[in-house]
N, C-alpha and C. Protein backbone atom coordinates (compact mmCIF):
# COMPACT_ATOMS: atom_id res chain seq x y z
N UNK A 1 -19.21 9.85 7.99
CA UNK A 1 -18.28 9.27 7.22
C UNK A 1 -18.75 7.86 6.97
N UNK A 2 -18.55 7.36 5.71
CA UNK A 2 -18.98 6.13 5.40
C UNK A 2 -18.09 4.98 5.69
N UNK A 3 -18.58 3.90 6.26
CA UNK A 3 -17.79 2.57 6.63
C UNK A 3 -17.38 1.79 5.36
N UNK A 4 -16.07 1.85 5.14
CA UNK A 4 -15.64 0.94 4.00
C UNK A 4 -15.12 -0.29 4.20
N UNK A 5 -15.19 -0.70 5.44
CA UNK A 5 -14.71 -2.04 5.80
C UNK A 5 -15.54 -3.15 5.39
N UNK A 6 -14.96 -4.24 5.15
CA UNK A 6 -15.68 -5.41 4.70
C UNK A 6 -16.10 -6.27 5.82
N UNK A 7 -17.32 -6.77 5.97
CA UNK A 7 -17.64 -7.61 7.10
C UNK A 7 -17.24 -9.02 6.81
N UNK A 8 -17.27 -9.95 7.85
CA UNK A 8 -16.82 -11.31 7.57
C UNK A 8 -17.85 -12.05 6.72
N UNK A 9 -19.05 -11.48 6.69
CA UNK A 9 -20.12 -12.19 5.78
C UNK A 9 -19.95 -11.94 4.34
N UNK A 10 -19.33 -10.75 3.89
CA UNK A 10 -19.17 -10.44 2.62
C UNK A 10 -18.07 -11.23 1.89
N UNK A 11 -18.47 -11.70 0.71
CA UNK A 11 -17.71 -12.55 -0.21
C UNK A 11 -16.82 -11.59 -1.05
N UNK A 12 -15.46 -11.52 -1.12
CA UNK A 12 -14.86 -10.96 -1.99
C UNK A 12 -14.77 -11.61 -3.29
N UNK A 13 -14.70 -10.94 -4.51
CA UNK A 13 -14.51 -11.48 -5.85
C UNK A 13 -12.99 -11.97 -5.90
N UNK A 14 -12.98 -13.01 -6.73
CA UNK A 14 -11.61 -13.69 -6.99
C UNK A 14 -10.64 -12.43 -7.64
N UNK A 15 -9.61 -12.34 -7.12
CA UNK A 15 -8.76 -11.30 -7.75
C UNK A 15 -7.47 -11.83 -8.37
N UNK A 16 -7.29 -11.69 -9.49
CA UNK A 16 -6.16 -12.37 -10.22
C UNK A 16 -4.75 -11.62 -9.73
N UNK A 17 -3.68 -12.33 -9.76
CA UNK A 17 -2.46 -11.67 -9.37
C UNK A 17 -1.99 -10.79 -10.27
N UNK A 18 -1.15 -9.85 -9.96
CA UNK A 18 -0.47 -8.73 -10.76
C UNK A 18 0.42 -9.40 -11.53
N UNK A 19 0.51 -8.86 -13.01
CA UNK A 19 1.47 -9.38 -13.86
C UNK A 19 2.91 -8.75 -13.53
N UNK A 20 3.80 -9.18 -14.09
CA UNK A 20 5.23 -8.88 -13.88
C UNK A 20 5.23 -7.35 -14.06
N UNK A 21 4.69 -6.81 -15.23
CA UNK A 21 4.73 -5.32 -15.61
C UNK A 21 3.90 -4.45 -14.57
N UNK A 22 2.83 -5.21 -14.11
CA UNK A 22 2.00 -4.47 -13.04
C UNK A 22 2.71 -4.29 -11.76
N UNK A 23 3.47 -5.43 -11.45
CA UNK A 23 4.28 -5.40 -10.27
C UNK A 23 5.33 -4.34 -10.21
N UNK A 24 6.04 -4.17 -11.56
CA UNK A 24 6.98 -3.27 -11.60
C UNK A 24 6.53 -1.71 -11.51
N UNK A 25 5.44 -1.60 -12.02
CA UNK A 25 4.73 -0.24 -11.98
C UNK A 25 4.42 0.04 -10.62
N UNK A 26 3.78 -0.89 -9.89
CA UNK A 26 3.31 -0.69 -8.40
C UNK A 26 4.54 -0.43 -7.60
N UNK A 27 5.60 -1.23 -7.75
CA UNK A 27 6.69 -1.06 -6.91
C UNK A 27 7.44 0.30 -7.22
N UNK A 28 7.32 0.80 -8.52
CA UNK A 28 8.06 2.10 -8.77
C UNK A 28 7.29 3.09 -8.22
N UNK A 29 5.95 3.06 -8.38
CA UNK A 29 5.04 4.14 -7.66
C UNK A 29 5.21 4.10 -6.14
N UNK A 30 5.26 3.10 -5.64
CA UNK A 30 5.41 2.89 -4.07
C UNK A 30 6.83 3.45 -3.75
N UNK A 31 7.68 3.26 -4.42
CA UNK A 31 9.10 3.68 -4.04
C UNK A 31 9.06 5.16 -4.06
N UNK A 32 8.46 5.92 -5.14
CA UNK A 32 8.43 7.29 -5.04
C UNK A 32 7.58 7.98 -4.04
N UNK A 33 6.46 7.11 -3.71
CA UNK A 33 5.51 7.65 -2.56
C UNK A 33 6.41 7.43 -1.25
N UNK A 34 7.19 6.40 -0.93
CA UNK A 34 7.85 6.29 0.14
C UNK A 34 8.81 7.29 0.46
N UNK A 35 9.53 7.84 -0.81
CA UNK A 35 10.46 8.97 -0.61
C UNK A 35 9.75 10.24 -0.17
N UNK A 36 8.63 10.55 -0.68
CA UNK A 36 7.76 11.50 -0.25
C UNK A 36 7.42 11.50 1.21
N UNK A 37 7.10 10.25 1.54
CA UNK A 37 6.68 10.09 2.96
C UNK A 37 7.92 10.27 4.02
N UNK A 38 9.08 9.82 3.46
CA UNK A 38 10.29 9.98 4.29
C UNK A 38 10.61 11.39 4.48
N UNK A 39 10.34 12.23 3.31
CA UNK A 39 10.63 13.68 3.55
C UNK A 39 9.50 14.25 4.52
N UNK A 40 8.35 13.90 4.32
CA UNK A 40 7.36 14.44 5.23
C UNK A 40 7.57 14.08 6.66
N UNK A 41 7.99 12.72 6.90
CA UNK A 41 8.38 12.34 8.34
C UNK A 41 9.36 13.16 9.03
N UNK A 42 10.33 13.68 8.15
CA UNK A 42 11.45 14.52 8.77
C UNK A 42 11.15 15.97 9.10
N UNK A 43 9.92 16.44 8.61
CA UNK A 43 9.36 17.75 8.85
C UNK A 43 9.18 17.92 10.34
N UNK A 44 9.53 19.12 10.85
CA UNK A 44 9.16 19.40 12.41
C UNK A 44 7.58 19.40 12.51
N UNK A 45 7.24 19.02 13.64
CA UNK A 45 5.83 18.89 14.01
C UNK A 45 5.04 17.97 13.09
N UNK A 46 5.75 17.05 12.31
CA UNK A 46 5.07 16.01 11.63
C UNK A 46 5.11 14.63 12.33
N UNK A 47 3.99 14.03 12.40
CA UNK A 47 4.24 12.64 13.03
C UNK A 47 4.98 11.67 12.11
N UNK A 48 5.88 11.07 12.81
CA UNK A 48 6.77 10.20 11.74
C UNK A 48 6.21 8.67 11.66
N UNK A 49 5.02 8.65 11.02
CA UNK A 49 4.49 7.20 10.74
C UNK A 49 4.19 7.12 9.26
N UNK A 50 4.36 7.92 8.23
CA UNK A 50 4.01 7.67 7.07
C UNK A 50 4.81 6.62 6.22
N UNK A 51 6.16 6.55 6.51
CA UNK A 51 7.12 5.66 5.87
C UNK A 51 6.83 4.26 6.23
N UNK A 52 6.48 3.90 7.53
CA UNK A 52 6.07 2.52 7.94
C UNK A 52 4.72 2.11 7.16
N UNK A 53 3.83 3.14 7.13
CA UNK A 53 2.63 2.71 6.33
C UNK A 53 2.85 2.32 4.91
N UNK A 54 3.69 3.11 4.31
CA UNK A 54 4.02 2.71 2.71
C UNK A 54 4.60 1.19 2.81
N UNK A 55 5.49 0.96 3.65
CA UNK A 55 6.11 -0.44 3.78
C UNK A 55 5.08 -1.48 3.90
N UNK A 56 4.01 -1.14 4.97
CA UNK A 56 3.03 -2.13 4.98
C UNK A 56 2.10 -2.37 3.91
N UNK A 57 1.87 -1.22 3.18
CA UNK A 57 1.01 -1.31 1.94
C UNK A 57 1.68 -2.30 1.00
N UNK A 58 2.89 -2.16 0.81
CA UNK A 58 3.71 -3.04 -0.09
C UNK A 58 3.70 -4.47 0.36
N UNK A 59 3.89 -4.66 1.69
CA UNK A 59 3.71 -6.05 2.13
C UNK A 59 2.48 -6.48 1.91
N UNK A 60 1.29 -6.01 2.09
CA UNK A 60 0.13 -6.53 2.01
C UNK A 60 -0.23 -6.79 0.57
N UNK A 61 0.07 -5.91 -0.37
CA UNK A 61 -0.13 -6.04 -1.77
C UNK A 61 0.54 -7.26 -2.21
N UNK A 62 1.85 -7.37 -1.86
CA UNK A 62 2.72 -8.57 -2.18
C UNK A 62 1.95 -9.85 -1.70
N UNK A 63 1.51 -9.81 -0.57
CA UNK A 63 0.94 -10.92 0.06
C UNK A 63 -0.43 -11.47 -0.63
N UNK A 64 -1.07 -10.39 -1.03
CA UNK A 64 -2.52 -10.62 -1.82
C UNK A 64 -2.41 -10.77 -3.18
N UNK A 65 -1.49 -10.07 -3.99
CA UNK A 65 -1.65 -10.03 -5.31
C UNK A 65 -0.44 -10.43 -6.13
N UNK A 66 0.60 -10.92 -5.45
CA UNK A 66 1.72 -11.32 -6.09
C UNK A 66 1.43 -12.78 -6.51
N UNK A 67 2.18 -13.21 -7.78
CA UNK A 67 1.98 -14.40 -8.38
C UNK A 67 2.90 -15.57 -7.56
């Protein structure tokens, strides 16, 4: 499996913030994904950790790409 982590020495390119419309699309898509994850987390024998991961993704994107 390929390592996709970025080392401390690598320089990330400057990333522009998401526009308002891009933010709406992202939040809408993540809302749908979170509903799917909630349903999967309720299934028997399923580890219930997907919903918190969705919330963490939204938090990180907001911290990184919001204006």
